[in-house]
Every structure is written in structure tokens, then in C-alpha cells.
Amino acid sequence: MEPASVVAAGGGALDIGAACALGIGLTGLGAALAQGRAVAAALEGTTRNPGTLYRARNLMILGLGMIESVLVLVVVFLLTKM
């Protein structure tokens, strides 16, 4: 069958489990990259101005918590859709 007829018949190249696994993997990759950038920016800011150590650390921890919450929400959402 041609790909267009498979889609028209209601089938797809990927089943829902594979799509969810791909979504979780890409979300994990994005979260890891975002956390790395957040820590690097906080360390760079603290290096430039050591007086802001505690404020930068607190904001970094808050941001990392938000990034993790997005990852957890996506994983829960995708696992409930399976």
C-alpha cells in the first residue's frame, strides 16, 4: 500500500507506543539541554559577580524545578495516552 492510502485508511507508520517513546525521548533531551544551559549561565553570572551567588543559586534551583516539572508532566501525559 502507498503511504497516502495507509493514512487515509486510518493506519500510520508509527503506532502510539512508538510515538510516545519518541516524545518522551525528545522531551528528556530538551530538558537535559535546558538544565545544562541554566547551570552554565548561573555559574558564569556568579563568576562575573560573586556577590550574587545566593540569589543566582536560588533562581537557578527554581528554574531547574520548572524544567523538571515540564518533563514530568509530558511523561505522565504521554504514558496516559498509551
N, C-alpha and C. Protein backbone atom coordinates (compact mmCIF):
# COMPACT_ATOMS: atom_id res chain seq x y z
N MET A 1 0.84 -1.19 0.00
CA MET A 1 0.00 0.00 0.00
C MET A 1 0.88 1.25 0.00
N GLU A 2 0.36 2.26 -0.61
CA GLU A 2 1.07 3.53 -0.62
C GLU A 2 0.87 4.24 0.71
N PRO A 3 1.84 5.08 1.11
CA PRO A 3 1.71 5.79 2.39
C PRO A 3 0.43 6.62 2.50
N ALA A 4 0.00 7.23 1.39
CA ALA A 4 -1.21 8.06 1.43
C ALA A 4 -2.44 7.20 1.69
N SER A 5 -2.49 6.01 1.11
CA SER A 5 -3.66 5.15 1.33
C SER A 5 -3.66 4.57 2.74
N VAL A 6 -2.47 4.35 3.32
CA VAL A 6 -2.40 3.85 4.70
C VAL A 6 -2.94 4.91 5.65
N VAL A 7 -2.55 6.16 5.45
CA VAL A 7 -3.03 7.24 6.30
C VAL A 7 -4.52 7.44 6.11
N ALA A 8 -4.99 7.35 4.86
CA ALA A 8 -6.41 7.52 4.59
C ALA A 8 -7.24 6.40 5.21
N ALA A 9 -6.65 5.21 5.32
CA ALA A 9 -7.37 4.08 5.91
C ALA A 9 -7.37 4.13 7.43
N GLY A 10 -6.69 5.11 8.01
CA GLY A 10 -6.68 5.25 9.46
C GLY A 10 -5.45 4.64 10.10
N GLY A 11 -4.56 4.07 9.34
CA GLY A 11 -3.34 3.50 9.88
C GLY A 11 -2.22 4.52 9.85
N GLY A 12 -1.14 4.17 10.46
CA GLY A 12 0.00 5.08 10.45
C GLY A 12 1.29 4.29 10.43
N ALA A 13 2.37 4.98 10.11
CA ALA A 13 3.66 4.31 10.07
C ALA A 13 4.14 3.98 11.47
N LEU A 14 3.82 4.82 12.45
CA LEU A 14 4.21 4.59 13.84
C LEU A 14 2.97 4.30 14.67
N ASP A 15 3.05 3.33 15.52
CA ASP A 15 1.94 3.12 16.43
C ASP A 15 2.06 4.10 17.59
N ILE A 16 1.08 4.13 18.45
CA ILE A 16 1.03 5.14 19.51
C ILE A 16 2.16 4.93 20.52
N GLY A 17 2.56 3.69 20.76
CA GLY A 17 3.64 3.43 21.71
C GLY A 17 4.96 3.99 21.23
N ALA A 18 5.25 3.83 19.96
CA ALA A 18 6.49 4.36 19.41
C ALA A 18 6.48 5.88 19.40
N ALA A 19 5.33 6.46 19.10
CA ALA A 19 5.23 7.92 19.10
C ALA A 19 5.42 8.48 20.52
N CYS A 20 4.86 7.80 21.51
CA CYS A 20 5.02 8.24 22.90
C CYS A 20 6.48 8.11 23.33
N ALA A 21 7.12 7.01 22.95
CA ALA A 21 8.52 6.83 23.31
C ALA A 21 9.39 7.91 22.67
N LEU A 22 9.10 8.24 21.44
CA LEU A 22 9.83 9.31 20.76
C LEU A 22 9.59 10.65 21.45
N GLY A 23 8.36 10.92 21.83
CA GLY A 23 8.04 12.17 22.52
C GLY A 23 8.74 12.28 23.86
N ILE A 24 8.76 11.19 24.63
CA ILE A 24 9.43 11.20 25.92
C ILE A 24 10.93 11.38 25.73
N GLY A 25 11.50 10.71 24.75
CA GLY A 25 12.94 10.84 24.49
C GLY A 25 13.33 12.26 24.09
N LEU A 26 12.55 12.86 23.21
CA LEU A 26 12.86 14.23 22.78
C LEU A 26 12.66 15.23 23.91
N THR A 27 11.65 15.00 24.74
CA THR A 27 11.43 15.88 25.88
C THR A 27 12.58 15.76 26.88
N GLY A 28 13.04 14.54 27.11
CA GLY A 28 14.18 14.33 28.01
C GLY A 28 15.44 15.01 27.48
N LEU A 29 15.65 14.92 26.19
CA LEU A 29 16.80 15.57 25.58
C LEU A 29 16.71 17.09 25.73
N GLY A 30 15.54 17.64 25.47
CA GLY A 30 15.36 19.07 25.61
C GLY A 30 15.53 19.55 27.04
N ALA A 31 15.02 18.77 27.98
CA ALA A 31 15.16 19.14 29.40
C ALA A 31 16.62 19.09 29.83
N ALA A 32 17.34 18.09 29.38
CA ALA A 32 18.76 17.97 29.75
C ALA A 32 19.56 19.14 29.18
N LEU A 33 19.29 19.49 27.94
CA LEU A 33 20.00 20.63 27.35
C LEU A 33 19.65 21.94 28.05
N ALA A 34 18.39 22.12 28.40
CA ALA A 34 17.98 23.34 29.10
C ALA A 34 18.60 23.43 30.48
N GLN A 35 18.67 22.31 31.19
CA GLN A 35 19.28 22.32 32.51
C GLN A 35 20.77 22.63 32.43
N GLY A 36 21.44 22.07 31.45
CA GLY A 36 22.85 22.36 31.26
C GLY A 36 23.11 23.83 30.98
N ARG A 37 22.27 24.41 30.14
CA ARG A 37 22.43 25.84 29.84
C ARG A 37 22.13 26.70 31.06
N ALA A 38 21.13 26.31 31.85
CA ALA A 38 20.78 27.08 33.05
C ALA A 38 21.91 27.07 34.06
N VAL A 39 22.50 25.91 34.28
CA VAL A 39 23.61 25.81 35.24
C VAL A 39 24.82 26.58 34.72
N ALA A 40 25.10 26.49 33.43
CA ALA A 40 26.23 27.21 32.87
C ALA A 40 26.04 28.72 33.00
N ALA A 41 24.82 29.18 32.75
CA ALA A 41 24.56 30.62 32.86
C ALA A 41 24.67 31.09 34.31
N ALA A 42 24.19 30.28 35.24
CA ALA A 42 24.28 30.66 36.65
C ALA A 42 25.73 30.70 37.11
N LEU A 43 26.51 29.72 36.68
CA LEU A 43 27.93 29.72 37.06
C LEU A 43 28.68 30.89 36.45
N GLU A 44 28.36 31.21 35.20
CA GLU A 44 29.02 32.33 34.55
C GLU A 44 28.65 33.65 35.24
N GLY A 45 27.39 33.79 35.60
CA GLY A 45 26.97 35.00 36.29
C GLY A 45 27.61 35.14 37.66
N THR A 46 27.75 34.03 38.36
CA THR A 46 28.39 34.06 39.66
C THR A 46 29.88 34.36 39.53
N THR A 47 30.49 33.88 38.49
CA THR A 47 31.91 34.15 38.27
C THR A 47 32.14 35.63 37.98
N ARG A 48 31.25 36.22 37.22
CA ARG A 48 31.40 37.64 36.89
C ARG A 48 31.12 38.54 38.09
N ASN A 49 30.17 38.14 38.93
CA ASN A 49 29.80 38.95 40.09
C ASN A 49 29.57 38.02 41.28
N PRO A 50 30.60 37.74 42.06
CA PRO A 50 30.47 36.79 43.17
C PRO A 50 29.46 37.21 44.24
N GLY A 51 29.08 38.46 44.30
CA GLY A 51 28.13 38.92 45.29
C GLY A 51 26.72 38.39 45.06
N THR A 52 26.45 37.92 43.87
CA THR A 52 25.11 37.43 43.55
C THR A 52 24.99 35.91 43.66
N LEU A 53 25.91 35.29 44.40
CA LEU A 53 25.93 33.84 44.49
C LEU A 53 24.61 33.26 44.98
N TYR A 54 24.11 33.75 46.09
CA TYR A 54 22.91 33.16 46.70
C TYR A 54 21.66 33.43 45.87
N ARG A 55 21.55 34.64 45.34
CA ARG A 55 20.39 34.96 44.51
C ARG A 55 20.40 34.15 43.22
N ALA A 56 21.56 34.04 42.58
CA ALA A 56 21.66 33.26 41.34
C ALA A 56 21.39 31.78 41.60
N ARG A 57 21.87 31.27 42.74
CA ARG A 57 21.64 29.86 43.06
C ARG A 57 20.16 29.59 43.28
N ASN A 58 19.50 30.48 44.01
CA ASN A 58 18.07 30.29 44.27
C ASN A 58 17.25 30.34 42.99
N LEU A 59 17.55 31.30 42.12
CA LEU A 59 16.84 31.39 40.85
C LEU A 59 17.14 30.19 39.96
N MET A 60 18.38 29.69 40.00
CA MET A 60 18.73 28.53 39.20
C MET A 60 17.95 27.30 39.68
N ILE A 61 17.86 27.11 40.98
CA ILE A 61 17.13 25.96 41.52
C ILE A 61 15.65 26.06 41.16
N LEU A 62 15.09 27.26 41.21
CA LEU A 62 13.70 27.45 40.82
C LEU A 62 13.50 27.12 39.34
N GLY A 63 14.40 27.59 38.51
CA GLY A 63 14.31 27.28 37.08
C GLY A 63 14.48 25.81 36.78
N LEU A 64 15.41 25.14 37.47
CA LEU A 64 15.59 23.70 37.26
C LEU A 64 14.35 22.93 37.68
N GLY A 65 13.71 23.38 38.75
CA GLY A 65 12.46 22.74 39.17
C GLY A 65 11.37 22.88 38.13
N MET A 66 11.29 24.04 37.50
CA MET A 66 10.29 24.25 36.45
C MET A 66 10.57 23.39 35.23
N ILE A 67 11.84 23.25 34.87
CA ILE A 67 12.20 22.41 33.73
C ILE A 67 11.85 20.95 34.02
N GLU A 68 12.16 20.49 35.23
CA GLU A 68 11.83 19.12 35.60
C GLU A 68 10.34 18.89 35.63
N SER A 69 9.57 19.89 36.08
CA SER A 69 8.12 19.70 36.14
C SER A 69 7.54 19.55 34.74
N VAL A 70 8.07 20.27 33.77
CA VAL A 70 7.61 20.11 32.39
C VAL A 70 7.90 18.70 31.90
N LEU A 71 9.09 18.20 32.21
CA LEU A 71 9.46 16.85 31.80
C LEU A 71 8.53 15.82 32.43
N VAL A 72 8.26 15.96 33.72
CA VAL A 72 7.38 15.00 34.40
C VAL A 72 5.96 15.08 33.84
N LEU A 73 5.46 16.29 33.59
CA LEU A 73 4.12 16.43 33.04
C LEU A 73 4.01 15.79 31.65
N VAL A 74 5.01 15.96 30.82
CA VAL A 74 4.98 15.36 29.48
C VAL A 74 5.02 13.84 29.57
N VAL A 75 5.86 13.30 30.45
CA VAL A 75 5.94 11.85 30.61
C VAL A 75 4.60 11.30 31.09
N VAL A 76 4.00 11.94 32.08
CA VAL A 76 2.70 11.47 32.59
C VAL A 76 1.63 11.58 31.51
N PHE A 77 1.61 12.68 30.80
CA PHE A 77 0.62 12.86 29.73
C PHE A 77 0.77 11.79 28.65
N LEU A 78 2.00 11.55 28.22
CA LEU A 78 2.20 10.58 27.15
C LEU A 78 1.94 9.16 27.62
N LEU A 79 2.27 8.84 28.87
CA LEU A 79 2.00 7.49 29.36
C LEU A 79 0.52 7.25 29.56
N THR A 80 -0.25 8.28 29.88
CA THR A 80 -1.70 8.08 30.00
C THR A 80 -2.37 7.97 28.64
N LYS A 81 -1.73 8.48 27.60
CA LYS A 81 -2.28 8.37 26.24
C LYS A 81 -1.98 7.01 25.61
N MET A 82 -1.07 6.25 26.19
CA MET A 82 -0.72 4.95 25.61
C MET A 82 -1.80 3.99 25.85
